Amino acid sequence: MSLFVAIVGWFGAITVLGSYVLLSTRRLDGNSVTYHVMNLLGAIGVGANSAWNGAVPSTAVNVIWMGIAIYALSRHRAMEEPHSS
């Protein structure tokens, strides 16, 4: 199980860093669904690894990071929904 948790953590770290690189090099828009999904998946991976290893501050930061990504995705979805008159 610890190998699985390590793999999940590394996947999360690579995903978060990848989204930051893509944003910084302007290959990804900071308001895009892709950017927020990458951040959500990354936070889940790093957060799960942190929780498993008892790193409470890192776990807390990643739970907040997940919340921000979920909020951004929900706002994005709300903006795309057609409004009925």
C-alpha atoms as a PDB file:
ATOM      1  CA  MET A   1       0.000   0.000   0.000  1.00  0.00           C
ATOM      2  CA  SER A   2       2.810   2.433   0.769  1.00  0.00           C
ATOM      3  CA  LEU A   3       4.163   2.047  -2.779  1.00  0.00           C
ATOM      4  CA  PHE A   4       0.732   2.960  -4.143  1.00  0.00           C
ATOM      5  CA  VAL A   5       0.558   6.033  -1.873  1.00  0.00           C
ATOM      6  CA  ALA A   6       4.040   7.075  -3.007  1.00  0.00           C
ATOM      7  CA  ILE A   7       3.039   6.751  -6.666  1.00  0.00           C
ATOM      8  CA  VAL A   8      -0.143   8.773  -6.040  1.00  0.00           C
ATOM      9  CA  GLY A   9       1.936  11.459  -4.303  1.00  0.00           C
ATOM     10  CA  TRP A  10       4.451  11.659  -7.131  1.00  0.00           C
ATOM     11  CA  PHE A  11       1.646  11.803  -9.696  1.00  0.00           C
ATOM     12  CA  GLY A  12       0.106  14.678  -7.751  1.00  0.00           C
ATOM     13  CA  ALA A  13       3.383  16.567  -7.461  1.00  0.00           C
ATOM     14  CA  ILE A  14       4.160  16.170 -11.157  1.00  0.00           C
ATOM     15  CA  THR A  15       0.624  17.227 -12.096  1.00  0.00           C
ATOM     16  CA  VAL A  16       0.730  20.400  -9.970  1.00  0.00           C
ATOM     17  CA  LEU A  17       4.181  21.307 -11.246  1.00  0.00           C
ATOM     18  CA  GLY A  18       3.131  20.540 -14.804  1.00  0.00           C
ATOM     19  CA  SER A  19       0.123  22.838 -14.559  1.00  0.00           C
ATOM     20  CA  TYR A  20       2.354  25.608 -13.204  1.00  0.00           C
ATOM     21  CA  VAL A  21       4.896  25.159 -16.016  1.00  0.00           C
ATOM     22  CA  LEU A  22       2.141  25.199 -18.631  1.00  0.00           C
ATOM     23  CA  LEU A  23       0.622  28.319 -17.075  1.00  0.00           C
ATOM     24  CA  SER A  24       3.974  30.083 -16.780  1.00  0.00           C
ATOM     25  CA  THR A  25       4.880  29.342 -20.387  1.00  0.00           C
ATOM     26  CA  ARG A  26       1.434  30.513 -21.540  1.00  0.00           C
ATOM     27  CA  ARG A  27       0.534  27.137 -22.978  1.00  0.00           C
ATOM     28  CA  LEU A  28      -2.412  26.920 -20.604  1.00  0.00           C
ATOM     29  CA  ASP A  29      -4.915  29.567 -19.556  1.00  0.00           C
ATOM     30  CA  GLY A  30      -5.320  30.086 -15.813  1.00  0.00           C
ATOM     31  CA  ASN A  31      -9.093  30.119 -16.269  1.00  0.00           C
ATOM     32  CA  SER A  32      -9.250  26.886 -18.260  1.00  0.00           C
ATOM     33  CA  VAL A  33     -10.935  23.713 -17.093  1.00  0.00           C
ATOM     34  CA  THR A  34      -7.714  21.812 -17.846  1.00  0.00           C
ATOM     35  CA  TYR A  35      -5.699  24.001 -15.477  1.00  0.00           C
ATOM     36  CA  HIS A  36      -8.182  23.586 -12.631  1.00  0.00           C
ATOM     37  CA  VAL A  37      -8.583  19.831 -13.175  1.00  0.00           C
ATOM     38  CA  MET A  38      -4.796  19.411 -13.130  1.00  0.00           C
ATOM     39  CA  ASN A  39      -4.631  21.352  -9.861  1.00  0.00           C
ATOM     40  CA  LEU A  40      -7.473  19.312  -8.364  1.00  0.00           C
ATOM     41  CA  LEU A  41      -5.886  15.981  -9.309  1.00  0.00           C
ATOM     42  CA  GLY A  42      -2.492  17.164  -8.125  1.00  0.00           C
ATOM     43  CA  ALA A  43      -3.868  18.301  -4.772  1.00  0.00           C
ATOM     44  CA  ILE A  44      -5.685  14.994  -4.323  1.00  0.00           C
ATOM     45  CA  GLY A  45      -2.471  13.067  -4.978  1.00  0.00           C
ATOM     46  CA  VAL A  46      -0.195  15.177  -2.790  1.00  0.00           C
ATOM     47  CA  GLY A  47      -2.893  15.489  -0.127  1.00  0.00           C
ATOM     48  CA  ALA A  48      -3.435  11.731   0.022  1.00  0.00           C
ATOM     49  CA  ASN A  49       0.295  11.130   0.317  1.00  0.00           C
ATOM     50  CA  SER A  50       0.628  13.823   2.994  1.00  0.00           C
ATOM     51  CA  ALA A  51      -2.292  12.437   4.993  1.00  0.00           C
ATOM     52  CA  TRP A  52      -0.914   8.893   4.786  1.00  0.00           C
ATOM     53  CA  ASN A  53       2.439  10.103   6.085  1.00  0.00           C
ATOM     54  CA  GLY A  54       0.938  12.255   8.843  1.00  0.00           C
ATOM     55  CA  ALA A  55       2.055  15.593   7.398  1.00  0.00           C
ATOM     56  CA  VAL A  56      -0.846  17.638   8.756  1.00  0.00           C
ATOM     57  CA  PRO A  57       0.185  21.094   7.416  1.00  0.00           C
ATOM     58  CA  SER A  58       0.715  19.751   3.895  1.00  0.00           C
ATOM     59  CA  THR A  59      -2.554  17.832   4.069  1.00  0.00           C
ATOM     60  CA  ALA A  60      -4.408  20.984   5.148  1.00  0.00           C
ATOM     61  CA  VAL A  61      -2.883  23.054   2.344  1.00  0.00           C
ATOM     62  CA  ASN A  62      -3.872  20.437  -0.219  1.00  0.00           C
ATOM     63  CA  VAL A  63      -7.437  20.177   1.097  1.00  0.00           C
ATOM     64  CA  ILE A  64      -7.715  23.963   0.691  1.00  0.00           C
ATOM     65  CA  TRP A  65      -6.117  23.669  -2.775  1.00  0.00           C
ATOM     66  CA  MET A  66      -8.773  21.079  -3.697  1.00  0.00           C
ATOM     67  CA  GLY A  67     -11.499  23.406  -2.465  1.00  0.00           C
ATOM     68  CA  ILE A  68     -10.184  26.262  -4.588  1.00  0.00           C
ATOM     69  CA  ALA A  69     -10.052  24.025  -7.678  1.00  0.00           C
ATOM     70  CA  ILE A  70     -13.582  22.716  -7.063  1.00  0.00           C
ATOM     71  CA  TYR A  71     -14.858  26.264  -6.559  1.00  0.00           C
ATOM     72  CA  ALA A  72     -13.176  27.449  -9.782  1.00  0.00           C
ATOM     73  CA  LEU A  73     -14.567  24.501 -11.731  1.00  0.00           C
ATOM     74  CA  SER A  74     -18.075  25.102 -10.381  1.00  0.00           C
ATOM     75  CA  ARG A  75     -17.871  28.792 -11.360  1.00  0.00           C
ATOM     76  CA  HIS A  76     -16.641  27.811 -14.811  1.00  0.00           C
ATOM     77  CA  ARG A  77     -19.527  25.383 -15.202  1.00  0.00           C
ATOM     78  CA  ALA A  78     -22.056  27.957 -13.989  1.00  0.00           C
ATOM     79  CA  MET A  79     -20.789  30.449 -16.553  1.00  0.00           C
ATOM     80  CA  GLU A  80     -21.266  27.901 -19.350  1.00  0.00           C
ATOM     81  CA  GLU A  81     -24.833  26.905 -18.442  1.00  0.00           C
ATOM     82  CA  PRO A  82     -27.454  28.552 -20.620  1.00  0.00           C
ATOM     83  CA  HIS A  83     -29.723  30.950 -18.782  1.00  0.00           C
ATOM     84  CA  SER A  84     -33.440  30.536 -19.345  1.00  0.00           C
ATOM     85  CA  SER A  85     -35.538  33.687 -19.691  1.00  0.00           C
END
